[in-house]
Amino acid sequence: MVGRLFDMFRGTQTATDPVCGMDVDTKNPPGGTFDYQGTTYYFCGKGCRLEFEEDAEGYLSGRKKMEM
């Protein structure tokens, strides 16, 4: 909670990686981004982005999950 308040003051916005569920800085996503059906998704690492590119519908529907 405190981290999110700090981010608000810094102007940092985060998004949730759709593969692993981690919070990702939208201004500097370590794994890059991927546009799918008009929405930009942000990733914590290259592996998550590649997994999502391979089966975006699986992750968005909840049918597929990465076990951490």
PDB file of N, CA and C in Angstrom:
ATOM      1  N   MET A   1       0.821  -1.190   0.000  1.00  0.00           N
ATOM      2  CA  MET A   1       0.000   0.000   0.000  1.00  0.00           C
ATOM      3  C   MET A   1       0.865   1.254   0.000  1.00  0.00           C
ATOM      4  N   VAL A   2       1.867   1.305   0.874  1.00  0.00           N
ATOM      5  CA  VAL A   2       2.747   2.461   0.942  1.00  0.00           C
ATOM      6  C   VAL A   2       3.493   2.632  -0.379  1.00  0.00           C
ATOM      7  N   GLY A   3       3.915   1.506  -0.964  1.00  0.00           N
ATOM      8  CA  GLY A   3       4.610   1.567  -2.249  1.00  0.00           C
ATOM      9  C   GLY A   3       3.750   2.173  -3.338  1.00  0.00           C
ATOM     10  N   ARG A   4       2.481   1.831  -3.344  1.00  0.00           N
ATOM     11  CA  ARG A   4       1.576   2.385  -4.357  1.00  0.00           C
ATOM     12  C   ARG A   4       1.367   3.882  -4.143  1.00  0.00           C
ATOM     13  N   LEU A   5       1.290   4.318  -2.884  1.00  0.00           N
ATOM     14  CA  LEU A   5       1.156   5.747  -2.599  1.00  0.00           C
ATOM     15  C   LEU A   5       2.401   6.489  -3.066  1.00  0.00           C
ATOM     16  N   PHE A   6       3.575   5.908  -2.805  1.00  0.00           N
ATOM     17  CA  PHE A   6       4.821   6.508  -3.257  1.00  0.00           C
ATOM     18  C   PHE A   6       4.832   6.615  -4.780  1.00  0.00           C
ATOM     19  N   ASP A   7       4.394   5.567  -5.450  1.00  0.00           N
ATOM     20  CA  ASP A   7       4.342   5.570  -6.910  1.00  0.00           C
ATOM     21  C   ASP A   7       3.401   6.657  -7.429  1.00  0.00           C
ATOM     22  N   MET A   8       2.299   6.885  -6.735  1.00  0.00           N
ATOM     23  CA  MET A   8       1.359   7.928  -7.164  1.00  0.00           C
ATOM     24  C   MET A   8       2.043   9.289  -7.152  1.00  0.00           C
ATOM     25  N   PHE A   9       2.832   9.567  -6.123  1.00  0.00           N
ATOM     26  CA  PHE A   9       3.526  10.847  -6.031  1.00  0.00           C
ATOM     27  C   PHE A   9       4.639  10.963  -7.058  1.00  0.00           C
ATOM     28  N   ARG A  10       5.273   9.850  -7.374  1.00  0.00           N
ATOM     29  CA  ARG A  10       6.332   9.835  -8.391  1.00  0.00           C
ATOM     30  C   ARG A  10       5.771   9.876  -9.798  1.00  0.00           C
ATOM     31  N   GLY A  11       4.513   9.566  -9.957  1.00  0.00           N
ATOM     32  CA  GLY A  11       3.919   9.507 -11.284  1.00  0.00           C
ATOM     33  C   GLY A  11       4.072   8.154 -11.946  1.00  0.00           C
ATOM     34  N   THR A  12       4.449   7.145 -11.188  1.00  0.00           N
ATOM     35  CA  THR A  12       4.619   5.803 -11.727  1.00  0.00           C
ATOM     36  C   THR A  12       3.264   5.117 -11.822  1.00  0.00           C
ATOM     37  N   GLN A  13       3.027   4.500 -12.947  1.00  0.00           N
ATOM     38  CA  GLN A  13       1.809   3.714 -13.104  1.00  0.00           C
ATOM     39  C   GLN A  13       2.219   2.271 -13.331  1.00  0.00           C
ATOM     40  N   THR A  14       1.438   1.369 -12.765  1.00  0.00           N
ATOM     41  CA  THR A  14       1.748  -0.040 -12.937  1.00  0.00           C
ATOM     42  C   THR A  14       0.581  -0.764 -13.596  1.00  0.00           C
ATOM     43  N   ALA A  15       0.915  -1.887 -14.180  1.00  0.00           N
ATOM     44  CA  ALA A  15      -0.067  -2.790 -14.761  1.00  0.00           C
ATOM     45  C   ALA A  15       0.288  -4.186 -14.277  1.00  0.00           C
ATOM     46  N   THR A  16      -0.664  -5.074 -14.321  1.00  0.00           N
ATOM     47  CA  THR A  16      -0.425  -6.453 -13.894  1.00  0.00           C
ATOM     48  C   THR A  16      -0.038  -7.307 -15.091  1.00  0.00           C
ATOM     49  N   ASP A  17       1.081  -7.990 -14.979  1.00  0.00           N
ATOM     50  CA  ASP A  17       1.524  -8.922 -16.013  1.00  0.00           C
ATOM     51  C   ASP A  17       0.453 -10.017 -16.100  1.00  0.00           C
ATOM     52  N   PRO A  18      -0.157 -10.219 -17.268  1.00  0.00           N
ATOM     53  CA  PRO A  18      -1.248 -11.187 -17.383  1.00  0.00           C
ATOM     54  C   PRO A  18      -0.814 -12.647 -17.267  1.00  0.00           C
ATOM     55  N   VAL A  19       0.478 -12.905 -17.303  1.00  0.00           N
ATOM     56  CA  VAL A  19       0.966 -14.277 -17.213  1.00  0.00           C
ATOM     57  C   VAL A  19       1.276 -14.661 -15.767  1.00  0.00           C
ATOM     58  N   CYS A  20       2.064 -13.832 -15.066  1.00  0.00           N
ATOM     59  CA  CYS A  20       2.512 -14.198 -13.717  1.00  0.00           C
ATOM     60  C   CYS A  20       1.853 -13.388 -12.604  1.00  0.00           C
ATOM     61  N   GLY A  21       1.172 -12.299 -12.962  1.00  0.00           N
ATOM     62  CA  GLY A  21       0.476 -11.500 -11.964  1.00  0.00           C
ATOM     63  C   GLY A  21       1.314 -10.443 -11.274  1.00  0.00           C
ATOM     64  N   MET A  22       2.566 -10.282 -11.657  1.00  0.00           N
ATOM     65  CA  MET A  22       3.430  -9.271 -11.034  1.00  0.00           C
ATOM     66  C   MET A  22       3.027  -7.871 -11.481  1.00  0.00           C
ATOM     67  N   ASP A  23       3.295  -6.872 -10.618  1.00  0.00           N
ATOM     68  CA  ASP A  23       3.104  -5.477 -10.996  1.00  0.00           C
ATOM     69  C   ASP A  23       4.279  -5.048 -11.859  1.00  0.00           C
ATOM     70  N   VAL A  24       3.986  -4.320 -12.945  1.00  0.00           N
ATOM     71  CA  VAL A  24       5.005  -3.898 -13.899  1.00  0.00           C
ATOM     72  C   VAL A  24       4.886  -2.393 -14.110  1.00  0.00           C
ATOM     73  N   ASP A  25       6.009  -1.691 -14.079  1.00  0.00           N
ATOM     74  CA  ASP A  25       6.051  -0.257 -14.356  1.00  0.00           C
ATOM     75  C   ASP A  25       5.724  -0.050 -15.838  1.00  0.00           C
ATOM     76  N   THR A  26       4.643   0.669 -16.118  1.00  0.00           N
ATOM     77  CA  THR A  26       4.223   0.844 -17.513  1.00  0.00           C
ATOM     78  C   THR A  26       5.154   1.757 -18.309  1.00  0.00           C
ATOM     79  N   LYS A  27       5.938   2.574 -17.616  1.00  0.00           N
ATOM     80  CA  LYS A  27       6.873   3.461 -18.324  1.00  0.00           C
ATOM     81  C   LYS A  27       8.161   2.745 -18.692  1.00  0.00           C
ATOM     82  N   ASN A  28       8.468   1.650 -17.998  1.00  0.00           N
ATOM     83  CA  ASN A  28       9.697   0.908 -18.260  1.00  0.00           C
ATOM     84  C   ASN A  28       9.491  -0.578 -17.964  1.00  0.00           C
ATOM     85  N   PRO A  29       8.663  -1.255 -18.752  1.00  0.00           N
ATOM     86  CA  PRO A  29       8.404  -2.679 -18.494  1.00  0.00           C
ATOM     87  C   PRO A  29       9.604  -3.538 -18.893  1.00  0.00           C
ATOM     88  N   PRO A  30      10.210  -4.260 -17.946  1.00  0.00           N
ATOM     89  CA  PRO A  30      11.404  -5.060 -18.242  1.00  0.00           C
ATOM     90  C   PRO A  30      11.206  -6.070 -19.369  1.00  0.00           C
ATOM     91  N   GLY A  31       9.997  -6.632 -19.490  1.00  0.00           N
ATOM     92  CA  GLY A  31       9.736  -7.630 -20.518  1.00  0.00           C
ATOM     93  C   GLY A  31       9.112  -7.067 -21.779  1.00  0.00           C
ATOM     94  N   GLY A  32       8.936  -5.766 -21.810  1.00  0.00           N
ATOM     95  CA  GLY A  32       8.350  -5.136 -22.983  1.00  0.00           C
ATOM     96  C   GLY A  32       6.828  -5.152 -22.947  1.00  0.00           C
ATOM     97  N   THR A  33       6.250  -4.884 -24.090  1.00  0.00           N
ATOM     98  CA  THR A  33       4.799  -4.819 -24.220  1.00  0.00           C
ATOM     99  C   THR A  33       4.347  -5.664 -25.396  1.00  0.00           C
ATOM    100  N   PHE A  34       3.066  -5.934 -25.430  1.00  0.00           N
ATOM    101  CA  PHE A  34       2.469  -6.655 -26.553  1.00  0.00           C
ATOM    102  C   PHE A  34       1.047  -6.142 -26.713  1.00  0.00           C
ATOM    103  N   ASP A  35       0.700  -5.717 -27.920  1.00  0.00           N
ATOM    104  CA  ASP A  35      -0.651  -5.248 -28.211  1.00  0.00           C
ATOM    105  C   ASP A  35      -1.483  -6.414 -28.709  1.00  0.00           C
ATOM    106  N   TYR A  36      -2.641  -6.585 -28.082  1.00  0.00           N
ATOM    107  CA  TYR A  36      -3.539  -7.680 -28.457  1.00  0.00           C
ATOM    108  C   TYR A  36      -4.960  -7.154 -28.463  1.00  0.00           C
ATOM    109  N   GLN A  37      -5.601  -7.227 -29.595  1.00  0.00           N
ATOM    110  CA  GLN A  37      -6.987  -6.802 -29.786  1.00  0.00           C
ATOM    111  C   GLN A  37      -7.235  -5.400 -29.233  1.00  0.00           C
ATOM    112  N   GLY A  38      -6.313  -4.482 -29.536  1.00  0.00           N
ATOM    113  CA  GLY A  38      -6.484  -3.084 -29.168  1.00  0.00           C
ATOM    114  C   GLY A  38      -6.075  -2.720 -27.753  1.00  0.00           C
ATOM    115  N   THR A  39      -5.523  -3.656 -27.000  1.00  0.00           N
ATOM    116  CA  THR A  39      -5.078  -3.396 -25.630  1.00  0.00           C
ATOM    117  C   THR A  39      -3.584  -3.686 -25.528  1.00  0.00           C
ATOM    118  N   THR A  40      -2.866  -2.813 -24.823  1.00  0.00           N
ATOM    119  CA  THR A  40      -1.440  -3.026 -24.595  1.00  0.00           C
ATOM    120  C   THR A  40      -1.257  -3.735 -23.260  1.00  0.00           C
ATOM    121  N   TYR A  41      -0.485  -4.819 -23.272  1.00  0.00           N
ATOM    122  CA  TYR A  41      -0.176  -5.586 -22.071  1.00  0.00           C
ATOM    123  C   TYR A  41       1.302  -5.394 -21.752  1.00  0.00           C
ATOM    124  N   TYR A  42       1.631  -5.368 -20.459  1.00  0.00           N
ATOM    125  CA  TYR A  42       2.987  -5.104 -19.980  1.00  0.00           C
ATOM    126  C   TYR A  42       3.511  -6.335 -19.251  1.00  0.00           C
ATOM    127  N   PHE A  43       4.835  -6.583 -19.400  1.00  0.00           N
ATOM    128  CA  PHE A  43       5.403  -7.825 -18.881  1.00  0.00           C
ATOM    129  C   PHE A  43       6.639  -7.608 -18.022  1.00  0.00           C
ATOM    130  N   CYS A  44       6.771  -8.479 -17.008  1.00  0.00           N
ATOM    131  CA  CYS A  44       7.898  -8.413 -16.072  1.00  0.00           C
ATOM    132  C   CYS A  44       9.182  -8.919 -16.716  1.00  0.00           C
ATOM    133  N   GLY A  45       9.061  -9.811 -17.672  1.00  0.00           N
ATOM    134  CA  GLY A  45      10.229 -10.386 -18.334  1.00  0.00           C
ATOM    135  C   GLY A  45       9.871 -10.917 -19.709  1.00  0.00           C
ATOM    136  N   LYS A  46      10.900 -11.167 -20.489  1.00  0.00           N
ATOM    137  CA  LYS A  46      10.721 -11.649 -21.858  1.00  0.00           C
ATOM    138  C   LYS A  46       9.961 -12.976 -21.912  1.00  0.00           C
ATOM    139  N   GLY A  47      10.228 -13.855 -20.958  1.00  0.00           N
ATOM    140  CA  GLY A  47       9.568 -15.163 -20.938  1.00  0.00           C
ATOM    141  C   GLY A  47       8.057 -15.038 -20.819  1.00  0.00           C
ATOM    142  N   CYS A  48       7.599 -14.143 -19.950  1.00  0.00           N
ATOM    143  CA  CYS A  48       6.149 -13.943 -19.798  1.00  0.00           C
ATOM    144  C   CYS A  48       5.542 -13.385 -21.090  1.00  0.00           C
ATOM    145  N   ARG A  49       6.251 -12.438 -21.703  1.00  0.00           N
ATOM    146  CA  ARG A  49       5.740 -11.867 -22.950  1.00  0.00           C
ATOM    147  C   ARG A  49       5.628 -12.932 -24.043  1.00  0.00           C
ATOM    148  N   LEU A  50       6.643 -13.773 -24.168  1.00  0.00           N
ATOM    149  CA  LEU A  50       6.626 -14.816 -25.192  1.00  0.00           C
ATOM    150  C   LEU A  50       5.510 -15.825 -24.933  1.00  0.00           C
ATOM    151  N   GLU A  51       5.298 -16.187 -23.673  1.00  0.00           N
ATOM    152  CA  GLU A  51       4.204 -17.099 -23.310  1.00  0.00           C
ATOM    153  C   GLU A  51       2.859 -16.499 -23.708  1.00  0.00           C
ATOM    154  N   PHE A  52       2.685 -15.214 -23.405  1.00  0.00           N
ATOM    155  CA  PHE A  52       1.430 -14.537 -23.718  1.00  0.00           C
ATOM    156  C   PHE A  52       1.215 -14.462 -25.233  1.00  0.00           C
ATOM    157  N   GLU A  53       2.261 -14.125 -25.964  1.00  0.00           N
ATOM    158  CA  GLU A  53       2.153 -14.045 -27.430  1.00  0.00           C
ATOM    159  C   GLU A  53       1.724 -15.384 -28.016  1.00  0.00           C
ATOM    160  N   GLU A  54       2.158 -16.476 -27.405  1.00  0.00           N
ATOM    161  CA  GLU A  54       1.849 -17.819 -27.890  1.00  0.00           C
ATOM    162  C   GLU A  54       0.384 -18.197 -27.648  1.00  0.00           C
ATOM    163  N   ASP A  55      -0.194 -17.748 -26.535  1.00  0.00           N
ATOM    164  CA  ASP A  55      -1.571 -18.118 -26.213  1.00  0.00           C
ATOM    165  C   ASP A  55      -2.248 -17.033 -25.368  1.00  0.00           C
ATOM    166  N   ALA A  56      -2.449 -15.880 -25.951  1.00  0.00           N
ATOM    167  CA  ALA A  56      -3.049 -14.746 -25.230  1.00  0.00           C
ATOM    168  C   ALA A  56      -4.429 -15.096 -24.690  1.00  0.00           C
ATOM    169  N   GLU A  57      -5.249 -15.744 -25.489  1.00  0.00           N
ATOM    170  CA  GLU A  57      -6.607 -16.093 -25.049  1.00  0.00           C
ATOM    171  C   GLU A  57      -6.588 -17.016 -23.841  1.00  0.00           C
ATOM    172  N   GLY A  58      -5.646 -17.919 -23.791  1.00  0.00           N
ATOM    173  CA  GLY A  58      -5.534 -18.825 -22.659  1.00  0.00           C
ATOM    174  C   GLY A  58      -5.288 -18.078 -21.361  1.00  0.00           C
ATOM    175  N   TYR A  59      -4.403 -17.086 -21.400  1.00  0.00           N
ATOM    176  CA  TYR A  59      -4.104 -16.313 -20.186  1.00  0.00           C
ATOM    177  C   TYR A  59      -5.224 -15.340 -19.846  1.00  0.00           C
ATOM    178  N   LEU A  60      -5.807 -14.711 -20.839  1.00  0.00           N
ATOM    179  CA  LEU A  60      -6.876 -13.747 -20.572  1.00  0.00           C
ATOM    180  C   LEU A  60      -8.139 -14.421 -20.057  1.00  0.00           C
ATOM    181  N   SER A  61      -8.393 -15.640 -20.488  1.00  0.00           N
ATOM    182  CA  SER A  61      -9.588 -16.359 -20.048  1.00  0.00           C
ATOM    183  C   SER A  61      -9.397 -17.004 -18.666  1.00  0.00           C
ATOM    184  N   GLY A  62      -8.137 -17.094 -18.222  1.00  0.00           N
ATOM    185  CA  GLY A  62      -7.859 -17.748 -16.947  1.00  0.00           C
ATOM    186  C   GLY A  62      -7.662 -19.248 -17.084  1.00  0.00           C
ATOM    187  N   ARG A  63      -7.791 -19.750 -18.304  1.00  0.00           N
ATOM    188  CA  ARG A  63      -7.607 -21.176 -18.563  1.00  0.00           C
ATOM    189  C   ARG A  63      -6.148 -21.589 -18.335  1.00  0.00           C
ATOM    190  N   LYS A  64      -5.249 -20.659 -18.592  1.00  0.00           N
ATOM    191  CA  LYS A  64      -3.826 -20.922 -18.454  1.00  0.00           C
ATOM    192  C   LYS A  64      -3.258 -20.015 -17.366  1.00  0.00           C
ATOM    193  N   LYS A  65      -2.380 -20.558 -16.522  1.00  0.00           N
ATOM    194  CA  LYS A  65      -1.731 -19.782 -15.474  1.00  0.00           C
ATOM    195  C   LYS A  65      -0.288 -20.221 -15.365  1.00  0.00           C
ATOM    196  N   MET A  66       0.568 -19.295 -14.995  1.00  0.00           N
ATOM    197  CA  MET A  66       1.958 -19.647 -14.726  1.00  0.00           C
ATOM    198  C   MET A  66       2.052 -19.937 -13.233  1.00  0.00           C
ATOM    199  N   GLU A  67       2.607 -21.061 -12.896  1.00  0.00           N
ATOM    200  CA  GLU A  67       2.812 -21.414 -11.500  1.00  0.00           C
ATOM    201  C   GLU A  67       4.109 -20.815 -11.025  1.00  0.00           C
ATOM    202  N   MET A  68       4.061 -20.011  -9.979  1.00  0.00           N
ATOM    203  CA  MET A  68       5.265 -19.358  -9.442  1.00  0.00           C
ATOM    204  C   MET A  68       5.685 -20.069  -8.179  1.00  0.00           C
TER     205      MET A  68
END
